[in-house]
Amino acid sequence: MHVSVLIPKDRLRLDAALDWFHTGHRDHSGVDWIAVRARRDHPVRAALADGTLESWLLTEEGHQVKVPPALWAGRFLWSEAYSSALVSARVGDQHISGYLIVDANAFTTLIEAGDAAATTWSAPSSSAYVPPYLTYMLTVAKQFDLTEDYNFSRELLAAWIMDNFGDFPAELTMSKNKAQMMATFLSNPRFEPGGNRPAVPQGRDPDPRKPFNGVSYTTKSRRRL
């Protein structure tokens, strides 16, 4: 399904903008773009998440509804970024359906700024050692879309880790103390007692296992890594 509404002159369809980023503005024939699309630190995704690149949902009636940057930190909306079809997302208290568009000038600026650094932006060396505990914690952070501004329940996440020890590397062991420490280190220190908590309430439930923005998180697994 292709976009049938008129795109304002100062906007770009996000899927077309990403196609330009990947193939249209420079030659990166040796880059695995499938792997790049899935990375949490994708340059365009990072710009959307920190507000550098503004985005909107363009409804079929022609209304532009601004997408909060925080929605780009999770898996749901980014998984739709390459689609030219209608996308539905919860914005505030409403479910909005529309086409993802971005600011044309801001995207051009992003591309131009990124060209100089493109040659150094690559995956970590395969020879770099990542400790098993850290590897697992990074896996959990990705699975639950943990973000800097998400104040989740460390107790509930620790309980999930204990209940899903089957996802832990086979050569290692799990304990309640280890699970609690992992949950603590996965959280932002500013949410700890005495930390610098944000003044605004969050939109996501403190229980990280509950669905959020269309993503249902795993609650039980016995799969070994």
Protein backbone atom coordinates (compact mmCIF):
# COMPACT_ATOMS: atom_id res chain seq x y z
CA MET A 1 0.00 0.00 0.00
CA HIS A 2 1.43 3.35 -1.00
CA VAL A 3 0.82 6.81 0.41
CA SER A 4 -2.22 8.36 -1.26
CA VAL A 5 -2.38 11.68 0.58
CA LEU A 6 -0.41 14.74 -0.44
CA ILE A 7 2.90 15.06 1.40
CA PRO A 8 3.62 18.71 2.39
CA LYS A 9 6.60 20.22 0.56
CA ASP A 10 8.61 20.64 3.75
CA ARG A 11 8.16 16.98 4.73
CA LEU A 12 9.56 13.64 3.58
CA ARG A 13 8.01 10.20 3.89
CA LEU A 14 10.17 8.42 6.42
CA ASP A 15 10.44 5.23 4.34
CA ALA A 16 11.66 7.26 1.34
CA ALA A 17 14.07 9.21 3.54
CA LEU A 18 15.54 5.98 4.91
CA ASP A 19 15.89 4.60 1.39
CA TRP A 20 17.87 7.74 0.54
CA PHE A 21 20.00 7.27 3.65
CA HIS A 22 20.83 3.66 2.80
CA THR A 23 21.27 3.77 -0.96
CA GLY A 24 20.73 7.14 -2.55
CA HIS A 25 23.28 9.57 -1.16
CA ARG A 26 26.50 7.57 -0.94
CA ASP A 27 28.05 4.24 -1.86
CA HIS A 28 28.23 1.76 0.99
CA SER A 29 28.21 -1.42 -1.07
CA GLY A 30 30.17 -3.29 1.62
CA VAL A 31 27.77 -2.50 4.47
CA ASP A 32 25.22 -5.04 5.71
CA TRP A 33 22.20 -2.71 5.72
CA ILE A 34 19.86 -5.43 7.03
CA ALA A 35 21.94 -5.57 10.21
CA VAL A 36 22.21 -1.78 10.33
CA ARG A 37 18.42 -1.37 10.24
CA ALA A 38 18.05 -3.49 13.38
CA ARG A 39 20.64 -1.61 15.44
CA ARG A 40 19.44 0.49 18.37
CA ASP A 41 22.10 3.10 17.56
CA HIS A 42 20.99 3.57 13.94
CA PRO A 43 21.78 7.28 13.23
CA VAL A 44 18.27 8.11 11.99
CA ARG A 45 16.62 6.24 14.87
CA ALA A 46 18.86 8.04 17.36
CA ALA A 47 17.98 11.42 15.84
CA LEU A 48 14.26 10.61 16.03
CA ALA A 49 14.57 9.44 19.64
CA ASP A 50 16.45 12.51 20.89
CA GLY A 51 14.24 15.00 19.01
CA THR A 52 16.94 16.17 16.60
CA LEU A 53 14.78 14.92 13.75
CA GLU A 54 11.09 15.71 14.23
CA SER A 55 8.47 13.29 12.95
CA TRP A 56 4.70 13.23 12.47
CA LEU A 57 1.88 10.89 11.61
CA LEU A 58 0.11 12.30 8.56
CA THR A 59 -3.53 11.21 8.73
CA GLU A 60 -5.64 10.43 5.66
CA GLU A 61 -7.46 13.70 6.36
CA GLY A 62 -4.18 15.59 5.99
CA HIS A 63 -3.60 16.37 9.68
CA GLN A 64 -0.06 16.18 11.04
CA VAL A 65 0.19 14.68 14.55
CA LYS A 66 3.62 15.06 16.11
CA VAL A 67 5.24 11.84 17.29
CA PRO A 68 6.83 12.12 20.76
CA PRO A 69 10.57 11.32 20.48
CA ALA A 70 10.30 8.74 23.29
CA LEU A 71 8.22 6.46 21.05
CA TRP A 72 11.24 5.91 18.81
CA ALA A 73 13.24 4.35 21.64
CA GLY A 74 11.05 1.24 21.65
CA ARG A 75 10.80 -1.50 19.07
CA PHE A 76 7.27 -0.95 17.77
CA LEU A 77 7.47 2.34 15.89
CA TRP A 78 10.97 1.80 14.50
CA SER A 79 9.84 -1.55 13.08
CA GLU A 80 7.33 0.42 10.98
CA ALA A 81 9.81 3.09 9.87
CA TYR A 82 10.50 1.42 6.51
CA SER A 83 6.83 0.96 5.68
CA SER A 84 4.91 3.17 3.26
CA ALA A 85 1.60 1.94 4.68
CA LEU A 86 -0.60 3.46 7.36
CA VAL A 87 0.89 3.10 10.85
CA SER A 88 -1.14 3.15 14.08
CA ALA A 89 0.43 4.36 17.31
CA ARG A 90 -0.71 5.66 20.68
CA VAL A 91 0.07 9.37 20.96
CA GLY A 92 -0.97 10.78 24.30
CA ASP A 93 -4.45 9.45 25.03
CA GLN A 94 -5.30 8.72 21.40
CA HIS A 95 -4.58 6.02 18.85
CA ILE A 96 -3.54 7.76 15.64
CA SER A 97 -3.29 6.19 12.20
CA GLY A 98 -1.20 7.90 9.57
CA TYR A 99 1.90 7.88 7.38
CA LEU A 100 5.26 8.52 9.02
CA ILE A 101 6.86 11.74 7.77
CA VAL A 102 9.85 13.81 8.87
CA ASP A 103 11.11 17.36 8.49
CA ALA A 104 12.81 17.55 5.07
CA ASN A 105 15.38 20.21 5.96
CA ALA A 106 16.33 18.51 9.24
CA PHE A 107 16.80 15.19 7.47
CA THR A 108 19.02 16.78 4.82
CA THR A 109 21.11 18.36 7.56
CA LEU A 110 21.36 15.00 9.31
CA ILE A 111 22.56 13.32 6.12
CA GLU A 112 25.14 16.00 5.41
CA ALA A 113 26.45 15.89 8.97
CA GLY A 114 26.60 12.12 8.93
CA ASP A 115 28.55 11.77 5.70
CA ALA A 116 31.80 12.80 7.35
CA ALA A 117 31.41 10.20 10.09
CA ALA A 118 29.96 7.42 7.94
CA THR A 119 33.24 5.66 7.38
CA THR A 120 33.83 5.27 11.13
CA TRP A 121 30.30 4.17 12.06
CA SER A 122 30.47 0.39 12.11
CA ALA A 123 29.69 -2.63 14.22
CA PRO A 124 32.03 -3.49 17.10
CA SER A 125 34.93 -5.72 16.18
CA SER A 126 34.07 -9.40 16.33
CA SER A 127 37.25 -9.90 18.35
CA ALA A 128 36.13 -7.54 21.12
CA TYR A 129 35.37 -9.46 24.32
CA VAL A 130 32.01 -8.86 25.98
CA PRO A 131 31.64 -10.59 29.38
CA PRO A 132 28.78 -13.16 29.55
CA TYR A 133 26.91 -11.31 32.30
CA LEU A 134 27.04 -8.06 30.34
CA THR A 135 25.96 -9.85 27.16
CA TYR A 136 22.88 -11.19 28.91
CA MET A 137 22.05 -7.82 30.46
CA LEU A 138 22.24 -6.15 27.05
CA THR A 139 19.91 -8.84 25.71
CA VAL A 140 17.39 -8.14 28.48
CA ALA A 141 17.63 -4.37 27.91
CA LYS A 142 16.85 -4.86 24.22
CA GLN A 143 14.07 -7.39 24.82
CA PHE A 144 12.18 -5.06 27.17
CA ASP A 145 12.98 -1.80 25.34
CA LEU A 146 14.58 -0.31 28.45
CA THR A 147 15.32 3.36 27.92
CA GLU A 148 17.04 6.13 29.85
CA ASP A 149 13.77 7.70 30.97
CA TYR A 150 11.90 4.48 31.84
CA ASN A 151 11.57 4.02 35.61
CA PHE A 152 10.69 0.33 35.74
CA SER A 153 10.23 -1.91 38.77
CA ARG A 154 13.58 -3.52 39.52
CA GLU A 155 11.85 -6.11 41.69
CA LEU A 156 9.57 -7.25 38.85
CA LEU A 157 12.40 -7.38 36.33
CA ALA A 158 14.53 -9.38 38.78
CA ALA A 159 11.62 -11.80 39.23
CA TRP A 160 11.35 -12.21 35.45
CA ILE A 161 15.07 -12.95 35.19
CA MET A 162 14.75 -15.62 37.89
CA ASP A 163 11.69 -17.16 36.20
CA ASN A 164 13.41 -17.20 32.81
CA PHE A 165 16.79 -18.59 33.73
CA GLY A 166 16.54 -20.78 30.63
CA ASP A 167 17.56 -17.75 28.57
CA PHE A 168 20.80 -17.46 30.54
CA PRO A 169 23.96 -18.89 28.96
CA ALA A 170 24.18 -22.60 29.79
CA GLU A 171 27.64 -22.39 31.34
CA LEU A 172 26.57 -19.80 33.93
CA THR A 173 24.31 -19.97 36.97
CA MET A 174 21.53 -17.69 38.19
CA SER A 175 20.62 -16.69 41.73
CA LYS A 176 18.20 -14.26 43.34
CA ASN A 177 21.09 -11.99 44.31
CA LYS A 178 22.48 -11.95 40.76
CA ALA A 179 19.03 -11.23 39.31
CA GLN A 180 18.53 -8.31 41.70
CA MET A 181 21.93 -6.85 40.87
CA MET A 182 21.28 -7.16 37.14
CA ALA A 183 17.93 -5.39 37.46
CA THR A 184 19.61 -2.61 39.45
CA PHE A 185 22.41 -2.13 36.94
CA LEU A 186 19.92 -2.12 34.06
CA SER A 187 18.07 0.86 35.57
CA ASN A 188 19.04 4.51 35.44
CA PRO A 189 20.85 5.55 38.67
CA ARG A 190 18.79 8.72 38.88
CA PHE A 191 15.74 6.62 39.77
CA GLU A 192 17.43 5.18 42.85
CA PRO A 193 16.55 6.58 46.32
CA GLY A 194 18.10 10.03 46.52
CA GLY A 195 18.62 10.18 42.77
CA ASN A 196 17.52 12.94 40.40
CA ARG A 197 14.06 11.73 39.39
CA PRO A 198 12.26 13.36 36.43
CA ALA A 199 9.41 15.71 37.32
CA VAL A 200 7.05 14.45 34.58
CA PRO A 201 5.15 11.14 34.85
CA GLN A 202 6.00 8.36 32.41
CA GLY A 203 3.53 6.85 30.00
CA ARG A 204 4.67 3.25 30.44
CA ASP A 205 3.62 0.97 33.29
CA PRO A 206 6.38 0.30 35.84
CA ASP A 207 5.94 -3.43 35.15
CA PRO A 208 8.25 -3.98 32.12
CA ARG A 209 6.45 -7.23 31.28
CA LYS A 210 3.22 -5.45 30.35
CA PRO A 211 2.53 -4.61 26.66
CA PHE A 212 3.45 -1.10 25.55
CA ASN A 213 2.83 0.61 22.20
CA GLY A 214 1.76 -2.60 20.54
CA VAL A 215 4.67 -4.74 21.76
CA SER A 216 3.91 -7.82 23.89
CA TYR A 217 6.92 -8.83 25.97
CA THR A 218 7.91 -12.40 26.74
CA THR A 219 6.76 -13.64 30.14
CA LYS A 220 8.08 -17.18 30.16
CA SER A 221 10.89 -18.98 28.35
CA ARG A 222 13.08 -21.99 28.81
CA ARG A 223 15.28 -21.44 25.76
CA ARG A 224 19.02 -21.64 26.26
CA LEU A 225 21.19 -19.07 24.52
